[in-house]
Amino acid sequence: LKPVLPGVITFGAGHFYISQSDKGGLVFGGDIDGYNTY
């Protein structure tokens, strides 16, 4: 996407964080999957 985010933003009432890469993609994530796994 064209530049839309000024920097990194995180959600205070849940677990969500987002930034925008040099290629324009929104890079985001949140909680882990709650089970044990490799």
All heavy atoms as atom14 arrays in JSON, in Angstrom:
{
  "sequence": "LKPVLPGVITFGAGHFYISQSDKGGLVFGGDIDGYNTY",
  "atom14_mask": [
    [1, 1, 1, 1, 1, 1, 1, 1, 0, 0, 0, 0, 0, 0],
    [1, 1, 1, 1, 1, 1, 1, 1, 1, 0, 0, 0, 0, 0],
    [1, 1, 1, 1, 1, 1, 1, 0, 0, 0, 0, 0, 0, 0],
    [1, 1, 1, 1, 1, 1, 1, 0, 0, 0, 0, 0, 0, 0],
    [1, 1, 1, 1, 1, 1, 1, 1, 0, 0, 0, 0, 0, 0],
    [1, 1, 1, 1, 1, 1, 1, 0, 0, 0, 0, 0, 0, 0],
    [1, 1, 1, 1, 0, 0, 0, 0, 0, 0, 0, 0, 0, 0],
    [1, 1, 1, 1, 1, 1, 1, 0, 0, 0, 0, 0, 0, 0],
    [1, 1, 1, 1, 1, 1, 1, 1, 0, 0, 0, 0, 0, 0],
    [1, 1, 1, 1, 1, 1, 1, 0, 0, 0, 0, 0, 0, 0],
    [1, 1, 1, 1, 1, 1, 1, 1, 1, 1, 1, 0, 0, 0],
    [1, 1, 1, 1, 0, 0, 0, 0, 0, 0, 0, 0, 0, 0],
    [1, 1, 1, 1, 1, 0, 0, 0, 0, 0, 0, 0, 0, 0],
    [1, 1, 1, 1, 0, 0, 0, 0, 0, 0, 0, 0, 0, 0],
    [1, 1, 1, 1, 1, 1, 1, 1, 1, 1, 0, 0, 0, 0],
    [1, 1, 1, 1, 1, 1, 1, 1, 1, 1, 1, 0, 0, 0],
    [1, 1, 1, 1, 1, 1, 1, 1, 1, 1, 1, 1, 0, 0],
    [1, 1, 1, 1, 1, 1, 1, 1, 0, 0, 0, 0, 0, 0],
    [1, 1, 1, 1, 1, 1, 0, 0, 0, 0, 0, 0, 0, 0],
    [1, 1, 1, 1, 1, 1, 1, 1, 1, 0, 0, 0, 0, 0],
    [1, 1, 1, 1, 1, 1, 0, 0, 0, 0, 0, 0, 0, 0],
    [1, 1, 1, 1, 1, 1, 1, 1, 0, 0, 0, 0, 0, 0],
    [1, 1, 1, 1, 1, 1, 1, 1, 1, 0, 0, 0, 0, 0],
    [1, 1, 1, 1, 0, 0, 0, 0, 0, 0, 0, 0, 0, 0],
    [1, 1, 1, 1, 0, 0, 0, 0, 0, 0, 0, 0, 0, 0],
    [1, 1, 1, 1, 1, 1, 1, 1, 0, 0, 0, 0, 0, 0],
    [1, 1, 1, 1, 1, 1, 1, 0, 0, 0, 0, 0, 0, 0],
    [1, 1, 1, 1, 1, 1, 1, 1, 1, 1, 1, 0, 0, 0],
    [1, 1, 1, 1, 0, 0, 0, 0, 0, 0, 0, 0, 0, 0],
    [1, 1, 1, 1, 0, 0, 0, 0, 0, 0, 0, 0, 0, 0],
    [1, 1, 1, 1, 1, 1, 1, 1, 0, 0, 0, 0, 0, 0],
    [1, 1, 1, 1, 1, 1, 1, 1, 0, 0, 0, 0, 0, 0],
    [1, 1, 1, 1, 1, 1, 1, 1, 0, 0, 0, 0, 0, 0],
    [1, 1, 1, 1, 0, 0, 0, 0, 0, 0, 0, 0, 0, 0],
    [1, 1, 1, 1, 1, 1, 1, 1, 1, 1, 1, 1, 0, 0],
    [1, 1, 1, 1, 1, 1, 1, 1, 0, 0, 0, 0, 0, 0],
    [1, 1, 1, 1, 1, 1, 1, 0, 0, 0, 0, 0, 0, 0],
    [1, 1, 1, 1, 1, 1, 1, 1, 1, 1, 1, 1, 0, 0]
  ],
  "atom14_positions": [
    [[0.84, -1.2, 0.0], [0.0, 0.0, 0.0], [0.88, 1.25, 0.0], [2.07, 1.19, 0.34], [-0.9, 0.02, 1.24], [-1.79, -1.2, 1.5], [-2.42, -1.09, 2.88], [-2.85, -1.32, 0.43], [0.0, 0.0, 0.0], [0.0, 0.0, 0.0], [0.0, 0.0, 0.0], [0.0, 0.0, 0.0], [0.0, 0.0, 0.0], [0.0, 0.0, 0.0]],
    [[0.29, 2.37, -0.35], [0.99, 3.63, -0.18], [1.16, 3.9, 1.31], [0.46, 3.32, 2.14], [0.2, 4.76, -0.85], [0.19, 4.67, -2.37], [-0.56, 5.84, -2.98], [-0.53, 5.75, -4.51], [-1.25, 6.89, -5.14], [0.0, 0.0, 0.0], [0.0, 0.0, 0.0], [0.0, 0.0, 0.0], [0.0, 0.0, 0.0], [0.0, 0.0, 0.0]],
    [[2.1, 4.76, 1.71], [2.33, 5.0, 3.15], [1.06, 5.42, 3.88], [0.41, 6.4, 3.51], [3.37, 6.12, 3.15], [4.1, 5.96, 1.85], [3.06, 5.5, 0.87], [0.0, 0.0, 0.0], [0.0, 0.0, 0.0], [0.0, 0.0, 0.0], [0.0, 0.0, 0.0], [0.0, 0.0, 0.0], [0.0, 0.0, 0.0], [0.0, 0.0, 0.0]],
    [[0.7, 4.65, 4.9], [-0.5, 4.96, 5.68], [-0.2, 5.01, 7.18], [-0.94, 5.67, 7.91], [-1.63, 3.93, 5.43], [-2.15, 4.04, 4.01], [-1.17, 2.51, 5.7], [0.0, 0.0, 0.0], [0.0, 0.0, 0.0], [0.0, 0.0, 0.0], [0.0, 0.0, 0.0], [0.0, 0.0, 0.0], [0.0, 0.0, 0.0], [0.0, 0.0, 0.0]],
    [[0.85, 4.35, 7.64], [1.16, 4.33, 9.07], [2.38, 5.2, 9.36], [3.39, 5.11, 8.66], [1.44, 2.9, 9.54], [0.32, 1.87, 9.39], [0.75, 0.54, 10.02], [-0.97, 2.35, 10.02], [0.0, 0.0, 0.0], [0.0, 0.0, 0.0], [0.0, 0.0, 0.0], [0.0, 0.0, 0.0], [0.0, 0.0, 0.0], [0.0, 0.0, 0.0]],
    [[2.31, 6.02, 10.41], [3.46, 6.86, 10.75], [4.58, 6.1, 11.45], [5.7, 6.58, 11.56], [2.85, 7.91, 11.69], [1.71, 7.19, 12.34], [1.15, 6.27, 11.28], [0.0, 0.0, 0.0], [0.0, 0.0, 0.0], [0.0, 0.0, 0.0], [0.0, 0.0, 0.0], [0.0, 0.0, 0.0], [0.0, 0.0, 0.0], [0.0, 0.0, 0.0]],
    [[4.29, 4.92, 11.96], [5.27, 4.12, 12.69], [4.62, 2.83, 13.15], [3.72, 2.3, 12.5], [0.0, 0.0, 0.0], [0.0, 0.0, 0.0], [0.0, 0.0, 0.0], [0.0, 0.0, 0.0], [0.0, 0.0, 0.0], [0.0, 0.0, 0.0], [0.0, 0.0, 0.0], [0.0, 0.0, 0.0], [0.0, 0.0, 0.0], [0.0, 0.0, 0.0]],
    [[5.06, 2.33, 14.29], [4.49, 1.1, 14.86], [3.35, 1.48, 15.81], [3.47, 2.44, 16.57], [5.57, 0.3, 15.62], [4.99, -1.0, 16.17], [6.76, 0.02, 14.72], [0.0, 0.0, 0.0], [0.0, 0.0, 0.0], [0.0, 0.0, 0.0], [0.0, 0.0, 0.0], [0.0, 0.0, 0.0], [0.0, 0.0, 0.0], [0.0, 0.0, 0.0]],
    [[2.26, 0.72, 15.76], [1.12, 0.95, 16.65], [0.77, -0.36, 17.32], [0.73, -1.41, 16.67], [-0.1, 1.48, 15.85], [0.25, 2.79, 15.16], [-1.3, 1.67, 16.77], [-0.82, 3.26, 14.18], [0.0, 0.0, 0.0], [0.0, 0.0, 0.0], [0.0, 0.0, 0.0], [0.0, 0.0, 0.0], [0.0, 0.0, 0.0], [0.0, 0.0, 0.0]],
    [[0.52, -0.31, 18.64], [0.1, -1.51, 19.36], [-1.23, -1.24, 20.08], [-1.51, -0.13, 20.53], [1.14, -1.97, 20.4], [1.12, -1.08, 21.53], [2.54, -1.99, 19.8], [0.0, 0.0, 0.0], [0.0, 0.0, 0.0], [0.0, 0.0, 0.0], [0.0, 0.0, 0.0], [0.0, 0.0, 0.0], [0.0, 0.0, 0.0], [0.0, 0.0, 0.0]],
    [[-2.04, -2.29, 20.16], [-3.37, -2.25, 20.76], [-3.24, -2.46, 22.26], [-2.6, -3.42, 22.7], [-4.2, -3.35, 20.1], [-5.66, -3.4, 20.49], [-6.33, -2.28, 20.92], [-6.36, -4.59, 20.37], [-7.67, -2.33, 21.25], [-7.71, -4.66, 20.69], [-8.37, -3.53, 21.13], [0.0, 0.0, 0.0], [0.0, 0.0, 0.0], [0.0, 0.0, 0.0]],
    [[-3.86, -1.59, 23.05], [-3.73, -1.7, 24.49], [-4.75, -2.59, 25.16], [-4.56, -3.02, 26.3], [0.0, 0.0, 0.0], [0.0, 0.0, 0.0], [0.0, 0.0, 0.0], [0.0, 0.0, 0.0], [0.0, 0.0, 0.0], [0.0, 0.0, 0.0], [0.0, 0.0, 0.0], [0.0, 0.0, 0.0], [0.0, 0.0, 0.0], [0.0, 0.0, 0.0]],
    [[-5.87, -2.87, 24.49], [-6.93, -3.68, 25.1], [-6.9, -5.12, 24.63], [-7.74, -5.92, 25.03], [-8.29, -3.07, 24.79], [0.0, 0.0, 0.0], [0.0, 0.0, 0.0], [0.0, 0.0, 0.0], [0.0, 0.0, 0.0], [0.0, 0.0, 0.0], [0.0, 0.0, 0.0], [0.0, 0.0, 0.0], [0.0, 0.0, 0.0], [0.0, 0.0, 0.0]],
    [[-5.97, -5.46, 23.79], [-5.78, -6.83, 23.31], [-4.32, -6.99, 22.95], [-3.48, -6.26, 23.44], [0.0, 0.0, 0.0], [0.0, 0.0, 0.0], [0.0, 0.0, 0.0], [0.0, 0.0, 0.0], [0.0, 0.0, 0.0], [0.0, 0.0, 0.0], [0.0, 0.0, 0.0], [0.0, 0.0, 0.0], [0.0, 0.0, 0.0], [0.0, 0.0, 0.0]],
    [[-4.04, -7.95, 22.09], [-2.66, -8.12, 21.66], [-2.61, -8.0, 20.15], [-2.97, -8.93, 19.41], [-2.11, -9.48, 22.12], [-0.61, -9.51, 22.14], [0.11, -10.51, 22.72], [0.31, -8.65, 21.65], [1.41, -10.28, 22.57], [1.54, -9.15, 21.92], [0.0, 0.0, 0.0], [0.0, 0.0, 0.0], [0.0, 0.0, 0.0], [0.0, 0.0, 0.0]],
    [[-2.18, -6.84, 19.68], [-2.09, -6.57, 18.25], [-1.03, -5.5, 18.04], [-0.98, -4.51, 18.78], [-3.44, -6.08, 17.71], [-3.42, -5.72, 16.24], [-3.49, -6.69, 15.26], [-3.33, -4.38, 15.85], [-3.46, -6.34, 13.91], [-3.3, -4.04, 14.52], [-3.38, -5.02, 13.54], [0.0, 0.0, 0.0], [0.0, 0.0, 0.0], [0.0, 0.0, 0.0]],
    [[-0.17, -5.72, 17.07], [0.87, -4.74, 16.76], [1.02, -4.7, 15.25], [0.9, -5.7, 14.56], [2.21, -5.1, 17.43], [2.52, -6.58, 17.43], [3.22, -7.17, 16.38], [2.11, -7.39, 18.48], [3.5, -8.53, 16.38], [2.38, -8.76, 18.5], [3.08, -9.31, 17.43], [3.35, -10.66, 17.43], [0.0, 0.0, 0.0], [0.0, 0.0, 0.0]],
    [[1.28, -3.5, 14.72], [1.3, -3.33, 13.27], [2.31, -2.27, 12.87], [2.51, -1.28, 13.59], [-0.12, -2.97, 12.75], [-0.16, -2.95, 11.22], [-0.6, -1.65, 13.34], [-1.56, -2.89, 10.65], [0.0, 0.0, 0.0], [0.0, 0.0, 0.0], [0.0, 0.0, 0.0], [0.0, 0.0, 0.0], [0.0, 0.0, 0.0], [0.0, 0.0, 0.0]],
    [[2.95, -2.49, 11.75], [3.85, -1.5, 11.16], [3.73, -1.62, 9.65], [2.99, -2.48, 9.14], [5.3, -1.75, 11.6], [5.75, -3.02, 11.13], [0.0, 0.0, 0.0], [0.0, 0.0, 0.0], [0.0, 0.0, 0.0], [0.0, 0.0, 0.0], [0.0, 0.0, 0.0], [0.0, 0.0, 0.0], [0.0, 0.0, 0.0], [0.0, 0.0, 0.0]],
    [[4.43, -0.77, 8.93], [4.41, -0.83, 7.47], [5.83, -0.99, 6.96], [6.73, -0.26, 7.36], [3.77, 0.44, 6.87], [3.52, 0.33, 5.37], [2.59, 1.41, 4.86], [2.32, 2.39, 5.55], [2.08, 1.25, 3.65], [0.0, 0.0, 0.0], [0.0, 0.0, 0.0], [0.0, 0.0, 0.0], [0.0, 0.0, 0.0], [0.0, 0.0, 0.0]],
    [[6.04, -1.97, 6.09], [7.38, -2.28, 5.61], [7.8, -1.32, 4.51], [7.0, -0.53, 4.0], [7.43, -3.72, 5.09], [6.82, -3.8, 3.8], [0.0, 0.0, 0.0], [0.0, 0.0, 0.0], [0.0, 0.0, 0.0], [0.0, 0.0, 0.0], [0.0, 0.0, 0.0], [0.0, 0.0, 0.0], [0.0, 0.0, 0.0], [0.0, 0.0, 0.0]],
    [[9.08, -1.42, 4.11], [9.59, -0.56, 3.05], [8.91, -0.86, 1.71], [8.89, -0.01, 0.82], [11.1, -0.75, 2.92], [11.48, -2.2, 2.62], [11.41, -3.02, 3.55], [11.83, -2.51, 1.49], [0.0, 0.0, 0.0], [0.0, 0.0, 0.0], [0.0, 0.0, 0.0], [0.0, 0.0, 0.0], [0.0, 0.0, 0.0], [0.0, 0.0, 0.0]],
    [[8.35, -2.06, 1.57], [7.64, -2.42, 0.33], [6.17, -2.03, 0.37], [5.44, -2.27, -0.6], [7.76, -3.93, 0.09], [9.19, -4.4, -0.15], [9.24, -5.9, -0.37], [10.68, -6.36, -0.58], [10.77, -7.84, -0.74], [0.0, 0.0, 0.0], [0.0, 0.0, 0.0], [0.0, 0.0, 0.0], [0.0, 0.0, 0.0], [0.0, 0.0, 0.0]],
    [[5.71, -1.46, 1.47], [4.34, -0.99, 1.57], [3.38, -1.93, 2.25], [2.24, -1.55, 2.54], [0.0, 0.0, 0.0], [0.0, 0.0, 0.0], [0.0, 0.0, 0.0], [0.0, 0.0, 0.0], [0.0, 0.0, 0.0], [0.0, 0.0, 0.0], [0.0, 0.0, 0.0], [0.0, 0.0, 0.0], [0.0, 0.0, 0.0], [0.0, 0.0, 0.0]],
    [[3.79, -3.17, 2.5], [2.9, -4.12, 3.15], [2.7, -3.8, 4.63], [3.63, -3.35, 5.3], [0.0, 0.0, 0.0], [0.0, 0.0, 0.0], [0.0, 0.0, 0.0], [0.0, 0.0, 0.0], [0.0, 0.0, 0.0], [0.0, 0.0, 0.0], [0.0, 0.0, 0.0], [0.0, 0.0, 0.0], [0.0, 0.0, 0.0], [0.0, 0.0, 0.0]],
    [[1.48, -4.0, 5.11], [1.21, -3.87, 6.55], [1.66, -5.18, 7.21], [1.17, -6.25, 6.87], [-0.27, -3.63, 6.81], [-0.87, -2.37, 6.16], [-2.36, -2.27, 6.49], [-0.13, -1.12, 6.6], [0.0, 0.0, 0.0], [0.0, 0.0, 0.0], [0.0, 0.0, 0.0], [0.0, 0.0, 0.0], [0.0, 0.0, 0.0], [0.0, 0.0, 0.0]],
    [[2.59, -5.08, 8.15], [3.12, -6.24, 8.85], [2.52, -6.24, 10.25], [2.7, -5.28, 11.01], [4.67, -6.18, 8.93], [5.23, -7.45, 9.56], [5.26, -5.96, 7.54], [0.0, 0.0, 0.0], [0.0, 0.0, 0.0], [0.0, 0.0, 0.0], [0.0, 0.0, 0.0], [0.0, 0.0, 0.0], [0.0, 0.0, 0.0], [0.0, 0.0, 0.0]],
    [[1.81, -7.31, 10.61], [1.13, -7.29, 11.9], [1.1, -8.67, 12.53], [1.34, -9.69, 11.87], [-0.28, -6.7, 11.78], [-1.18, -7.38, 10.78], [-2.06, -8.37, 11.18], [-1.16, -7.01, 9.45], [-2.9, -8.99, 10.27], [-2.01, -7.62, 8.53], [-2.87, -8.61, 8.94], [0.0, 0.0, 0.0], [0.0, 0.0, 0.0], [0.0, 0.0, 0.0]],
    [[0.79, -8.71, 13.81], [0.72, -9.97, 14.55], [0.0, -9.75, 15.86], [-0.47, -8.65, 16.16], [0.0, 0.0, 0.0], [0.0, 0.0, 0.0], [0.0, 0.0, 0.0], [0.0, 0.0, 0.0], [0.0, 0.0, 0.0], [0.0, 0.0, 0.0], [0.0, 0.0, 0.0], [0.0, 0.0, 0.0], [0.0, 0.0, 0.0], [0.0, 0.0, 0.0]],
    [[-0.08, -10.82, 16.66], [-0.79, -10.73, 17.93], [-0.36, -11.84, 18.86], [0.82, -12.08, 19.06], [0.0, 0.0, 0.0], [0.0, 0.0, 0.0], [0.0, 0.0, 0.0], [0.0, 0.0, 0.0], [0.0, 0.0, 0.0], [0.0, 0.0, 0.0], [0.0, 0.0, 0.0], [0.0, 0.0, 0.0], [0.0, 0.0, 0.0], [0.0, 0.0, 0.0]],
    [[-1.34, -12.55, 19.41], [-1.06, -13.59, 20.38], [-0.47, -14.85, 19.73], [-0.7, -15.12, 18.55], [-2.33, -13.99, 21.12], [-2.61, -13.06, 22.29], [-1.65, -12.67, 22.98], [-3.79, -12.72, 22.51], [0.0, 0.0, 0.0], [0.0, 0.0, 0.0], [0.0, 0.0, 0.0], [0.0, 0.0, 0.0], [0.0, 0.0, 0.0], [0.0, 0.0, 0.0]],
    [[0.24, -15.62, 20.54], [0.69, -16.93, 20.11], [-0.5, -17.89, 20.05], [-1.55, -17.64, 20.66], [1.74, -17.51, 21.09], [1.15, -17.57, 22.51], [3.02, -16.73, 21.06], [2.03, -18.27, 23.52], [0.0, 0.0, 0.0], [0.0, 0.0, 0.0], [0.0, 0.0, 0.0], [0.0, 0.0, 0.0], [0.0, 0.0, 0.0], [0.0, 0.0, 0.0]],
    [[-0.36, -18.97, 19.31], [-1.31, -20.07, 19.41], [-1.07, -20.73, 20.77], [0.07, -21.06, 21.1], [-1.1, -21.06, 18.27], [-1.55, -20.51, 16.93], [-1.03, -19.46, 16.52], [-2.42, -21.12, 16.3], [0.0, 0.0, 0.0], [0.0, 0.0, 0.0], [0.0, 0.0, 0.0], [0.0, 0.0, 0.0], [0.0, 0.0, 0.0], [0.0, 0.0, 0.0]],
    [[-2.1, -20.96, 21.53], [-1.94, -21.28, 22.94], [-1.43, -22.66, 23.27], [-1.16, -22.96, 24.44], [0.0, 0.0, 0.0], [0.0, 0.0, 0.0], [0.0, 0.0, 0.0], [0.0, 0.0, 0.0], [0.0, 0.0, 0.0], [0.0, 0.0, 0.0], [0.0, 0.0, 0.0], [0.0, 0.0, 0.0], [0.0, 0.0, 0.0], [0.0, 0.0, 0.0]],
    [[-1.27, -23.53, 22.27], [-0.86, -24.9, 22.53], [0.63, -25.07, 22.25], [1.24, -24.28, 21.53], [-1.67, -25.86, 21.64], [-1.58, -25.51, 20.16], [-0.58, -26.02, 19.35], [-2.51, -24.63, 19.6], [-0.49, -25.67, 18.02], [-2.42, -24.28, 18.26], [-1.41, -24.8, 17.48], [-1.31, -24.44, 16.16], [0.0, 0.0, 0.0], [0.0, 0.0, 0.0]],
    [[1.23, -26.12, 22.82], [2.65, -26.4, 22.58], [2.84, -27.05, 21.22], [2.09, -27.97, 20.85], [3.2, -27.33, 23.66], [3.05, -26.76, 25.06], [2.58, -27.41, 25.97], [3.44, -25.52, 25.22], [0.0, 0.0, 0.0], [0.0, 0.0, 0.0], [0.0, 0.0, 0.0], [0.0, 0.0, 0.0], [0.0, 0.0, 0.0], [0.0, 0.0, 0.0]],
    [[3.84, -26.59, 20.49], [4.08, -27.14, 19.16], [5.49, -26.8, 18.69], [6.08, -25.82, 19.15], [3.06, -26.6, 18.13], [3.33, -27.17, 16.85], [3.15, -25.08, 18.01], [0.0, 0.0, 0.0], [0.0, 0.0, 0.0], [0.0, 0.0, 0.0], [0.0, 0.0, 0.0], [0.0, 0.0, 0.0], [0.0, 0.0, 0.0], [0.0, 0.0, 0.0]],
    [[6.02, -27.62, 17.79], [7.27, -27.31, 17.1], [7.02, -27.01, 15.62], [7.95, -26.88, 14.84], [8.25, -28.48, 17.22], [8.77, -28.71, 18.62], [8.52, -29.9, 19.3], [9.53, -27.74, 19.27], [9.0, -30.11, 20.58], [10.0, -27.93, 20.55], [9.74, -29.12, 21.2], [10.22, -29.32, 22.47], [0.0, 0.0, 0.0], [0.0, 0.0, 0.0]]
  ]
}
